[in-house]
Amino acid sequence: MPNIEGLKHFVSGADWVDYARTDVSKGTALADLLGNLGLTANDCLAFGDQFNDKEMLDLCAHSFVTAEASEGMRRLFPVIGSNEEGAVLKKIYEFIR
């Protein structure tokens, strides 16, 4: 993959690569949102599957990846069940009950 000044790249699927500005990510967007809402990382529950989600998952106190996540992401974050099993909704229900 070519290196482009001011941009970073990361795999976000089996056949997909994302490019983004080095100062922008799902994590920076979420940090801004949390700040605007007066919330903290402990108030945050996040789910992901690919490396374009990593900064967001790193920020949240409660972060999970689905069974479909890339192998690298499954090594970094707790794995819940699959999308077909409704694992994300089940995990949300655990937190709001």
PDB file of N, CA and C in Angstrom:
ATOM      1  N   MET A   1       0.837  -1.172   0.000  1.00  0.00           N
ATOM      2  CA  MET A   1       0.000   0.000   0.000  1.00  0.00           C
ATOM      3  C   MET A   1       0.885   1.239   0.000  1.00  0.00           C
ATOM      4  N   PRO A   2       0.534   2.187  -0.788  1.00  0.00           N
ATOM      5  CA  PRO A   2       1.366   3.399  -0.820  1.00  0.00           C
ATOM      6  C   PRO A   2       1.179   4.239   0.443  1.00  0.00           C
ATOM      7  N   ASN A   3       2.267   4.820   0.907  1.00  0.00           N
ATOM      8  CA  ASN A   3       2.189   5.779   2.005  1.00  0.00           C
ATOM      9  C   ASN A   3       1.917   7.145   1.412  1.00  0.00           C
ATOM     10  N   ILE A   4       0.912   7.802   1.923  1.00  0.00           N
ATOM     11  CA  ILE A   4       0.523   9.130   1.447  1.00  0.00           C
ATOM     12  C   ILE A   4       0.638  10.086   2.621  1.00  0.00           C
ATOM     13  N   GLU A   5       1.425  11.124   2.473  1.00  0.00           N
ATOM     14  CA  GLU A   5       1.641  12.066   3.552  1.00  0.00           C
ATOM     15  C   GLU A   5       0.313  12.618   4.074  1.00  0.00           C
ATOM     16  N   GLY A   6       0.165  12.594   5.405  1.00  0.00           N
ATOM     17  CA  GLY A   6      -1.036  13.116   6.044  1.00  0.00           C
ATOM     18  C   GLY A   6      -2.177  12.119   6.137  1.00  0.00           C
ATOM     19  N   LEU A   7      -1.982  10.922   5.549  1.00  0.00           N
ATOM     20  CA  LEU A   7      -3.023   9.893   5.599  1.00  0.00           C
ATOM     21  C   LEU A   7      -2.486   8.626   6.232  1.00  0.00           C
ATOM     22  N   LYS A   8      -3.371   7.889   6.873  1.00  0.00           N
ATOM     23  CA  LYS A   8      -3.039   6.562   7.382  1.00  0.00           C
ATOM     24  C   LYS A   8      -3.926   5.555   6.660  1.00  0.00           C
ATOM     25  N   HIS A   9      -3.505   4.326   6.635  1.00  0.00           N
ATOM     26  CA  HIS A   9      -4.328   3.291   6.021  1.00  0.00           C
ATOM     27  C   HIS A   9      -4.426   2.101   6.966  1.00  0.00           C
ATOM     28  N   PHE A  10      -5.529   1.379   6.860  1.00  0.00           N
ATOM     29  CA  PHE A  10      -5.742   0.197   7.672  1.00  0.00           C
ATOM     30  C   PHE A  10      -6.752  -0.693   6.974  1.00  0.00           C
ATOM     31  N   VAL A  11      -6.630  -1.970   7.235  1.00  0.00           N
ATOM     32  CA  VAL A  11      -7.533  -2.951   6.653  1.00  0.00           C
ATOM     33  C   VAL A  11      -8.878  -2.835   7.360  1.00  0.00           C
ATOM     34  N   SER A  12      -9.942  -2.806   6.578  1.00  0.00           N
ATOM     35  CA  SER A  12     -11.276  -2.743   7.174  1.00  0.00           C
ATOM     36  C   SER A  12     -12.200  -3.788   6.559  1.00  0.00           C
ATOM     37  N   GLY A  13     -11.621  -4.825   6.021  1.00  0.00           N
ATOM     38  CA  GLY A  13     -12.366  -5.937   5.452  1.00  0.00           C
ATOM     39  C   GLY A  13     -11.433  -6.842   4.678  1.00  0.00           C
ATOM     40  N   ALA A  14     -11.934  -7.976   4.268  1.00  0.00           N
ATOM     41  CA  ALA A  14     -11.099  -8.941   3.559  1.00  0.00           C
ATOM     42  C   ALA A  14     -10.533  -8.374   2.258  1.00  0.00           C
ATOM     43  N   ASP A  15     -11.266  -7.477   1.638  1.00  0.00           N
ATOM     44  CA  ASP A  15     -10.819  -6.909   0.366  1.00  0.00           C
ATOM     45  C   ASP A  15     -10.976  -5.396   0.356  1.00  0.00           C
ATOM     46  N   TRP A  16     -10.729  -4.758   1.511  1.00  0.00           N
ATOM     47  CA  TRP A  16     -10.979  -3.325   1.632  1.00  0.00           C
ATOM     48  C   TRP A  16      -9.895  -2.674   2.473  1.00  0.00           C
ATOM     49  N   VAL A  17      -9.421  -1.535   2.021  1.00  0.00           N
ATOM     50  CA  VAL A  17      -8.462  -0.732   2.778  1.00  0.00           C
ATOM     51  C   VAL A  17      -9.024   0.677   2.887  1.00  0.00           C
ATOM     52  N   ASP A  18      -9.006   1.228   4.089  1.00  0.00           N
ATOM     53  CA  ASP A  18      -9.452   2.602   4.318  1.00  0.00           C
ATOM     54  C   ASP A  18      -8.248   3.527   4.395  1.00  0.00           C
ATOM     55  N   TYR A  19      -8.407   4.716   3.878  1.00  0.00           N
ATOM     56  CA  TYR A  19      -7.446   5.795   4.064  1.00  0.00           C
ATOM     57  C   TYR A  19      -8.167   6.911   4.793  1.00  0.00           C
ATOM     58  N   ALA A  20      -7.499   7.494   5.772  1.00  0.00           N
ATOM     59  CA  ALA A  20      -8.086   8.601   6.535  1.00  0.00           C
ATOM     60  C   ALA A  20      -6.974   9.550   6.947  1.00  0.00           C
ATOM     61  N   ARG A  21      -7.356  10.778   7.219  1.00  0.00           N
ATOM     62  CA  ARG A  21      -6.372  11.725   7.734  1.00  0.00           C
ATOM     63  C   ARG A  21      -5.797  11.173   9.035  1.00  0.00           C
ATOM     64  N   THR A  22      -4.557  11.477   9.306  1.00  0.00           N
ATOM     65  CA  THR A  22      -3.916  10.945  10.505  1.00  0.00           C
ATOM     66  C   THR A  22      -4.543  11.473  11.789  1.00  0.00           C
ATOM     67  N   ASP A  23      -5.215  12.601  11.732  1.00  0.00           N
ATOM     68  CA  ASP A  23      -5.811  13.177  12.938  1.00  0.00           C
ATOM     69  C   ASP A  23      -7.309  12.872  13.066  1.00  0.00           C
ATOM     70  N   VAL A  24      -7.825  11.973  12.242  1.00  0.00           N
ATOM     71  CA  VAL A  24      -9.253  11.664  12.250  1.00  0.00           C
ATOM     72  C   VAL A  24      -9.440  10.148  12.314  1.00  0.00           C
ATOM     73  N   SER A  25     -10.347   9.719  13.173  1.00  0.00           N
ATOM     74  CA  SER A  25     -10.692   8.297  13.264  1.00  0.00           C
ATOM     75  C   SER A  25     -12.053   8.188  13.941  1.00  0.00           C
ATOM     76  N   LYS A  26     -12.566   6.996  14.000  1.00  0.00           N
ATOM     77  CA  LYS A  26     -13.795   6.785  14.762  1.00  0.00           C
ATOM     78  C   LYS A  26     -13.560   7.117  16.232  1.00  0.00           C
ATOM     79  N   GLY A  27     -12.340   6.905  16.692  1.00  0.00           N
ATOM     80  CA  GLY A  27     -12.001   7.236  18.073  1.00  0.00           C
ATOM     81  C   GLY A  27     -12.026   8.729  18.342  1.00  0.00           C
ATOM     82  N   THR A  28     -11.463   9.536  17.440  1.00  0.00           N
ATOM     83  CA  THR A  28     -11.476  10.988  17.647  1.00  0.00           C
ATOM     84  C   THR A  28     -12.900  11.527  17.551  1.00  0.00           C
ATOM     85  N   ALA A  29     -13.692  10.975  16.656  1.00  0.00           N
ATOM     86  CA  ALA A  29     -15.089  11.398  16.535  1.00  0.00           C
ATOM     87  C   ALA A  29     -15.862  11.050  17.803  1.00  0.00           C
ATOM     88  N   LEU A  30     -15.638   9.850  18.319  1.00  0.00           N
ATOM     89  CA  LEU A  30     -16.329   9.437  19.534  1.00  0.00           C
ATOM     90  C   LEU A  30     -15.881  10.270  20.734  1.00  0.00           C
ATOM     91  N   ALA A  31     -14.594  10.564  20.838  1.00  0.00           N
ATOM     92  CA  ALA A  31     -14.099  11.396  21.934  1.00  0.00           C
ATOM     93  C   ALA A  31     -14.764  12.763  21.906  1.00  0.00           C
ATOM     94  N   ASP A  32     -14.898  13.323  20.730  1.00  0.00           N
ATOM     95  CA  ASP A  32     -15.565  14.617  20.587  1.00  0.00           C
ATOM     96  C   ASP A  32     -17.033  14.516  21.011  1.00  0.00           C
ATOM     97  N   LEU A  33     -17.709  13.477  20.575  1.00  0.00           N
ATOM     98  CA  LEU A  33     -19.111  13.277  20.938  1.00  0.00           C
ATOM     99  C   LEU A  33     -19.270  13.107  22.445  1.00  0.00           C
ATOM    100  N   LEU A  34     -18.430  12.270  23.044  1.00  0.00           N
ATOM    101  CA  LEU A  34     -18.512  12.071  24.494  1.00  0.00           C
ATOM    102  C   LEU A  34     -18.308  13.391  25.232  1.00  0.00           C
ATOM    103  N   GLY A  35     -17.314  14.162  24.786  1.00  0.00           N
ATOM    104  CA  GLY A  35     -17.060  15.457  25.411  1.00  0.00           C
ATOM    105  C   GLY A  35     -18.250  16.387  25.300  1.00  0.00           C
ATOM    106  N   ASN A  36     -18.853  16.433  24.133  1.00  0.00           N
ATOM    107  CA  ASN A  36     -20.023  17.298  23.934  1.00  0.00           C
ATOM    108  C   ASN A  36     -21.214  16.868  24.776  1.00  0.00           C
ATOM    109  N   LEU A  37     -21.318  15.586  25.050  1.00  0.00           N
ATOM    110  CA  LEU A  37     -22.437  15.069  25.840  1.00  0.00           C
ATOM    111  C   LEU A  37     -22.129  15.025  27.334  1.00  0.00           C
ATOM    112  N   GLY A  38     -20.892  15.342  27.694  1.00  0.00           N
ATOM    113  CA  GLY A  38     -20.501  15.292  29.098  1.00  0.00           C
ATOM    114  C   GLY A  38     -20.379  13.876  29.629  1.00  0.00           C
ATOM    115  N   LEU A  39     -20.029  12.949  28.762  1.00  0.00           N
ATOM    116  CA  LEU A  39     -19.881  11.550  29.141  1.00  0.00           C
ATOM    117  C   LEU A  39     -18.405  11.165  29.154  1.00  0.00           C
ATOM    118  N   THR A  40     -18.113  10.023  29.753  1.00  0.00           N
ATOM    119  CA  THR A  40     -16.742   9.513  29.788  1.00  0.00           C
ATOM    120  C   THR A  40     -16.660   8.176  29.064  1.00  0.00           C
ATOM    121  N   ALA A  41     -15.457   7.691  28.926  1.00  0.00           N
ATOM    122  CA  ALA A  41     -15.249   6.392  28.288  1.00  0.00           C
ATOM    123  C   ALA A  41     -15.953   5.284  29.052  1.00  0.00           C
ATOM    124  N   ASN A  42     -16.112   5.449  30.350  1.00  0.00           N
ATOM    125  CA  ASN A  42     -16.806   4.438  31.143  1.00  0.00           C
ATOM    126  C   ASN A  42     -18.295   4.366  30.802  1.00  0.00           C
ATOM    127  N   ASP A  43     -18.825   5.426  30.218  1.00  0.00           N
ATOM    128  CA  ASP A  43     -20.231   5.458  29.802  1.00  0.00           C
ATOM    129  C   ASP A  43     -20.427   4.844  28.417  1.00  0.00           C
ATOM    130  N   CYS A  44     -19.347   4.389  27.815  1.00  0.00           N
ATOM    131  CA  CYS A  44     -19.349   4.013  26.403  1.00  0.00           C
ATOM    132  C   CYS A  44     -19.309   2.498  26.208  1.00  0.00           C
ATOM    133  N   LEU A  45     -20.126   2.024  25.299  1.00  0.00           N
ATOM    134  CA  LEU A  45     -20.175   0.625  24.885  1.00  0.00           C
ATOM    135  C   LEU A  45     -19.976   0.622  23.374  1.00  0.00           C
ATOM    136  N   ALA A  46     -18.975  -0.112  22.888  1.00  0.00           N
ATOM    137  CA  ALA A  46     -18.676  -0.079  21.454  1.00  0.00           C
ATOM    138  C   ALA A  46     -18.458  -1.490  20.911  1.00  0.00           C
ATOM    139  N   PHE A  47     -18.782  -1.632  19.625  1.00  0.00           N
ATOM    140  CA  PHE A  47     -18.638  -2.906  18.937  1.00  0.00           C
ATOM    141  C   PHE A  47     -17.933  -2.666  17.610  1.00  0.00           C
ATOM    142  N   GLY A  48     -17.129  -3.606  17.205  1.00  0.00           N
ATOM    143  CA  GLY A  48     -16.436  -3.475  15.932  1.00  0.00           C
ATOM    144  C   GLY A  48     -16.046  -4.828  15.381  1.00  0.00           C
ATOM    145  N   ASP A  49     -15.380  -4.768  14.218  1.00  0.00           N
ATOM    146  CA  ASP A  49     -14.919  -6.014  13.613  1.00  0.00           C
ATOM    147  C   ASP A  49     -13.620  -5.861  12.827  1.00  0.00           C
ATOM    148  N   GLN A  50     -13.265  -4.651  12.457  1.00  0.00           N
ATOM    149  CA  GLN A  50     -12.082  -4.447  11.637  1.00  0.00           C
ATOM    150  C   GLN A  50     -11.205  -3.353  12.239  1.00  0.00           C
ATOM    151  N   PHE A  51     -10.008  -3.190  11.679  1.00  0.00           N
ATOM    152  CA  PHE A  51      -9.048  -2.249  12.243  1.00  0.00           C
ATOM    153  C   PHE A  51      -9.469  -0.791  12.099  1.00  0.00           C
ATOM    154  N   ASN A  52     -10.439  -0.493  11.248  1.00  0.00           N
ATOM    155  CA  ASN A  52     -10.939   0.883  11.203  1.00  0.00           C
ATOM    156  C   ASN A  52     -11.762   1.213  12.447  1.00  0.00           C
ATOM    157  N   ASP A  53     -12.046   0.227  13.282  1.00  0.00           N
ATOM    158  CA  ASP A  53     -12.775   0.417  14.535  1.00  0.00           C
ATOM    159  C   ASP A  53     -11.849   0.491  15.754  1.00  0.00           C
ATOM    160  N   LYS A  54     -10.563   0.206  15.587  1.00  0.00           N
ATOM    161  CA  LYS A  54      -9.657   0.033  16.720  1.00  0.00           C
ATOM    162  C   LYS A  54      -9.587   1.247  17.632  1.00  0.00           C
ATOM    163  N   GLU A  55      -9.413   2.447  17.098  1.00  0.00           N
ATOM    164  CA  GLU A  55      -9.307   3.629  17.952  1.00  0.00           C
ATOM    165  C   GLU A  55     -10.572   3.851  18.766  1.00  0.00           C
ATOM    166  N   MET A  56     -11.716   3.585  18.177  1.00  0.00           N
ATOM    167  CA  MET A  56     -12.985   3.714  18.882  1.00  0.00           C
ATOM    168  C   MET A  56     -13.052   2.679  20.013  1.00  0.00           C
ATOM    169  N   LEU A  57     -12.673   1.460  19.726  1.00  0.00           N
ATOM    170  CA  LEU A  57     -12.709   0.410  20.734  1.00  0.00           C
ATOM    171  C   LEU A  57     -11.689   0.667  21.835  1.00  0.00           C
ATOM    172  N   ASP A  58     -10.528   1.195  21.473  1.00  0.00           N
ATOM    173  CA  ASP A  58      -9.522   1.542  22.477  1.00  0.00           C
ATOM    174  C   ASP A  58     -10.043   2.595  23.445  1.00  0.00           C
ATOM    175  N   LEU A  59     -10.853   3.504  22.967  1.00  0.00           N
ATOM    176  CA  LEU A  59     -11.362   4.605  23.787  1.00  0.00           C
ATOM    177  C   LEU A  59     -12.398   4.149  24.798  1.00  0.00           C
ATOM    178  N   CYS A  60     -13.279   3.274  24.407  1.00  0.00           N
ATOM    179  CA  CYS A  60     -14.402   2.874  25.257  1.00  0.00           C
ATOM    180  C   CYS A  60     -13.971   1.895  26.339  1.00  0.00           C
ATOM    181  N   ALA A  61     -14.581   2.050  27.498  1.00  0.00           N
ATOM    182  CA  ALA A  61     -14.288   1.143  28.606  1.00  0.00           C
ATOM    183  C   ALA A  61     -14.877  -0.251  28.370  1.00  0.00           C
ATOM    184  N   HIS A  62     -15.907  -0.327  27.558  1.00  0.00           N
ATOM    185  CA  HIS A  62     -16.593  -1.596  27.302  1.00  0.00           C
ATOM    186  C   HIS A  62     -16.611  -1.827  25.795  1.00  0.00           C
ATOM    187  N   SER A  63     -15.613  -2.534  25.306  1.00  0.00           N
ATOM    188  CA  SER A  63     -15.451  -2.731  23.861  1.00  0.00           C
ATOM    189  C   SER A  63     -15.417  -4.205  23.520  1.00  0.00           C
ATOM    190  N   PHE A  64     -16.062  -4.543  22.420  1.00  0.00           N
ATOM    191  CA  PHE A  64     -16.178  -5.935  22.005  1.00  0.00           C
ATOM    192  C   PHE A  64     -16.083  -6.026  20.488  1.00  0.00           C
ATOM    193  N   VAL A  65     -15.668  -7.197  20.026  1.00  0.00           N
ATOM    194  CA  VAL A  65     -15.728  -7.485  18.595  1.00  0.00           C
ATOM    195  C   VAL A  65     -16.609  -8.706  18.404  1.00  0.00           C
ATOM    196  N   THR A  66     -17.214  -8.790  17.233  1.00  0.00           N
ATOM    197  CA  THR A  66     -18.066  -9.928  16.918  1.00  0.00           C
ATOM    198  C   THR A  66     -17.220 -11.099  16.446  1.00  0.00           C
ATOM    199  N   ALA A  67     -17.835 -12.256  16.407  1.00  0.00           N
ATOM    200  CA  ALA A  67     -17.145 -13.466  15.968  1.00  0.00           C
ATOM    201  C   ALA A  67     -16.631 -13.328  14.535  1.00  0.00           C
ATOM    202  N   GLU A  68     -17.238 -12.449  13.754  1.00  0.00           N
ATOM    203  CA  GLU A  68     -16.812 -12.245  12.366  1.00  0.00           C
ATOM    204  C   GLU A  68     -15.596 -11.322  12.250  1.00  0.00           C
ATOM    205  N   ALA A  69     -15.144 -10.770  13.356  1.00  0.00           N
ATOM    206  CA  ALA A  69     -14.028  -9.824  13.333  1.00  0.00           C
ATOM    207  C   ALA A  69     -12.764 -10.475  12.778  1.00  0.00           C
ATOM    208  N   SER A  70     -11.885  -9.631  12.268  1.00  0.00           N
ATOM    209  CA  SER A  70     -10.611 -10.137  11.764  1.00  0.00           C
ATOM    210  C   SER A  70      -9.836 -10.795  12.909  1.00  0.00           C
ATOM    211  N   GLU A  71      -8.973 -11.708  12.567  1.00  0.00           N
ATOM    212  CA  GLU A  71      -8.207 -12.439  13.580  1.00  0.00           C
ATOM    213  C   GLU A  71      -7.425 -11.490  14.487  1.00  0.00           C
ATOM    214  N   GLY A  72      -6.825 -10.472  13.891  1.00  0.00           N
ATOM    215  CA  GLY A  72      -6.063  -9.514  14.679  1.00  0.00           C
ATOM    216  C   GLY A  72      -6.917  -8.786  15.698  1.00  0.00           C
ATOM    217  N   MET A  73      -8.123  -8.419  15.321  1.00  0.00           N
ATOM    218  CA  MET A  73      -9.019  -7.732  16.241  1.00  0.00           C
ATOM    219  C   MET A  73      -9.518  -8.685  17.323  1.00  0.00           C
ATOM    220  N   ARG A  74      -9.728  -9.941  16.984  1.00  0.00           N
ATOM    221  CA  ARG A  74     -10.167 -10.930  17.982  1.00  0.00           C
ATOM    222  C   ARG A  74      -9.086 -11.161  19.030  1.00  0.00           C
ATOM    223  N   ARG A  75      -7.838 -10.922  18.689  1.00  0.00           N
ATOM    224  CA  ARG A  75      -6.760 -11.048  19.672  1.00  0.00           C
ATOM    225  C   ARG A  75      -6.701  -9.834  20.609  1.00  0.00           C
ATOM    226  N   LEU A  76      -7.212  -8.697  20.171  1.00  0.00           N
ATOM    227  CA  LEU A  76      -7.098  -7.455  20.936  1.00  0.00           C
ATOM    228  C   LEU A  76      -8.277  -7.158  21.861  1.00  0.00           C
ATOM    229  N   PHE A  77      -9.460  -7.649  21.508  1.00  0.00           N
ATOM    230  CA  PHE A  77     -10.673  -7.280  22.245  1.00  0.00           C
ATOM    231  C   PHE A  77     -11.499  -8.522  22.563  1.00  0.00           C
ATOM    232  N   PRO A  78     -12.319  -8.458  23.614  1.00  0.00           N
ATOM    233  CA  PRO A  78     -13.202  -9.587  23.926  1.00  0.00           C
ATOM    234  C   PRO A  78     -14.148  -9.875  22.753  1.00  0.00           C
ATOM    235  N   VAL A  79     -14.331 -11.149  22.480  1.00  0.00           N
ATOM    236  CA  VAL A  79     -15.175 -11.581  21.367  1.00  0.00           C
ATOM    237  C   VAL A  79     -16.532 -12.006  21.902  1.00  0.00           C
ATOM    238  N   ILE A  80     -17.570 -11.456  21.282  1.00  0.00           N
ATOM    239  CA  ILE A  80     -18.925 -11.904  21.586  1.00  0.00           C
ATOM    240  C   ILE A  80     -19.345 -12.817  20.434  1.00  0.00           C
ATOM    241  N   GLY A  81     -20.550 -13.262  20.426  1.00  0.00           N
ATOM    242  CA  GLY A  81     -21.030 -14.153  19.373  1.00  0.00           C
ATOM    243  C   GLY A  81     -21.103 -13.481  18.017  1.00  0.00           C
ATOM    244  N   SER A  82     -21.765 -14.141  17.111  1.00  0.00           N
ATOM    245  CA  SER A  82     -21.839 -13.668  15.728  1.00  0.00           C
ATOM    246  C   SER A  82     -23.002 -12.709  15.520  1.00  0.00           C
ATOM    247  N   ASN A  83     -22.953 -12.019  14.400  1.00  0.00           N
ATOM    248  CA  ASN A  83     -24.064 -11.145  14.019  1.00  0.00           C
ATOM    249  C   ASN A  83     -25.334 -11.949  13.801  1.00  0.00           C
ATOM    250  N   GLU A  84     -25.193 -13.130  13.236  1.00  0.00           N
ATOM    251  CA  GLU A  84     -26.366 -13.977  12.985  1.00  0.00           C
ATOM    252  C   GLU A  84     -27.068 -14.359  14.286  1.00  0.00           C
ATOM    253  N   GLU A  85     -26.310 -14.454  15.380  1.00  0.00           N
ATOM    254  CA  GLU A  85     -26.874 -14.807  16.680  1.00  0.00           C
ATOM    255  C   GLU A  85     -27.438 -13.589  17.422  1.00  0.00           C
ATOM    256  N   GLY A  86     -27.295 -12.405  16.824  1.00  0.00           N
ATOM    257  CA  GLY A  86     -27.753 -11.195  17.490  1.00  0.00           C
ATOM    258  C   GLY A  86     -26.895 -10.828  18.688  1.00  0.00           C
ATOM    259  N   ALA A  87     -25.609 -11.142  18.618  1.00  0.00           N
ATOM    260  CA  ALA A  87     -24.711 -10.970  19.764  1.00  0.00           C
ATOM    261  C   ALA A  87     -24.603  -9.520  20.229  1.00  0.00           C
ATOM    262  N   VAL A  88     -24.628  -8.571  19.312  1.00  0.00           N
ATOM    263  CA  VAL A  88     -24.521  -7.166  19.714  1.00  0.00           C
ATOM    264  C   VAL A  88     -25.741  -6.763  20.537  1.00  0.00           C
ATOM    265  N   LEU A  89     -26.923  -7.092  20.070  1.00  0.00           N
ATOM    266  CA  LEU A  89     -28.126  -6.757  20.831  1.00  0.00           C
ATOM    267  C   LEU A  89     -28.147  -7.449  22.187  1.00  0.00           C
ATOM    268  N   LYS A  90     -27.713  -8.691  22.238  1.00  0.00           N
ATOM    269  CA  LYS A  90     -27.669  -9.409  23.513  1.00  0.00           C
ATOM    270  C   LYS A  90     -26.730  -8.709  24.490  1.00  0.00           C
ATOM    271  N   LYS A  91     -25.578  -8.254  24.002  1.00  0.00           N
ATOM    272  CA  LYS A  91     -24.617  -7.580  24.881  1.00  0.00           C
ATOM    273  C   LYS A  91     -25.173  -6.227  25.339  1.00  0.00           C
ATOM    274  N   ILE A  92     -25.840  -5.513  24.469  1.00  0.00           N
ATOM    275  CA  ILE A  92     -26.461  -4.242  24.875  1.00  0.00           C
ATOM    276  C   ILE A  92     -27.485  -4.482  25.965  1.00  0.00           C
ATOM    277  N   TYR A  93     -28.324  -5.509  25.803  1.00  0.00           N
ATOM    278  CA  TYR A  93     -29.335  -5.822  26.810  1.00  0.00           C
ATOM    279  C   TYR A  93     -28.675  -6.128  28.163  1.00  0.00           C
ATOM    280  N   GLU A  94     -27.528  -6.820  28.150  1.00  0.00           N
ATOM    281  CA  GLU A  94     -26.814  -7.106  29.404  1.00  0.00           C
ATOM    282  C   GLU A  94     -26.467  -5.810  30.136  1.00  0.00           C
ATOM    283  N   PHE A  95     -26.090  -4.788  29.396  1.00  0.00           N
ATOM    284  CA  PHE A  95     -25.653  -3.537  30.004  1.00  0.00           C
ATOM    285  C   PHE A  95     -26.811  -2.645  30.446  1.00  0.00           C
ATOM    286  N   ILE A  96     -27.940  -2.741  29.800  1.00  0.00           N
ATOM    287  CA  ILE A  96     -29.026  -1.813  30.136  1.00  0.00           C
ATOM    288  C   ILE A  96     -30.016  -2.423  31.150  1.00  0.00           C
ATOM    289  N   ARG A  97     -29.872  -3.663  31.444  1.00  0.00           N
ATOM    290  CA  ARG A  97     -30.779  -4.301  32.413  1.00  0.00           C
ATOM    291  C   ARG A  97     -30.368  -3.972  33.821  1.00  0.00           C
TER     292      ARG A  97
END
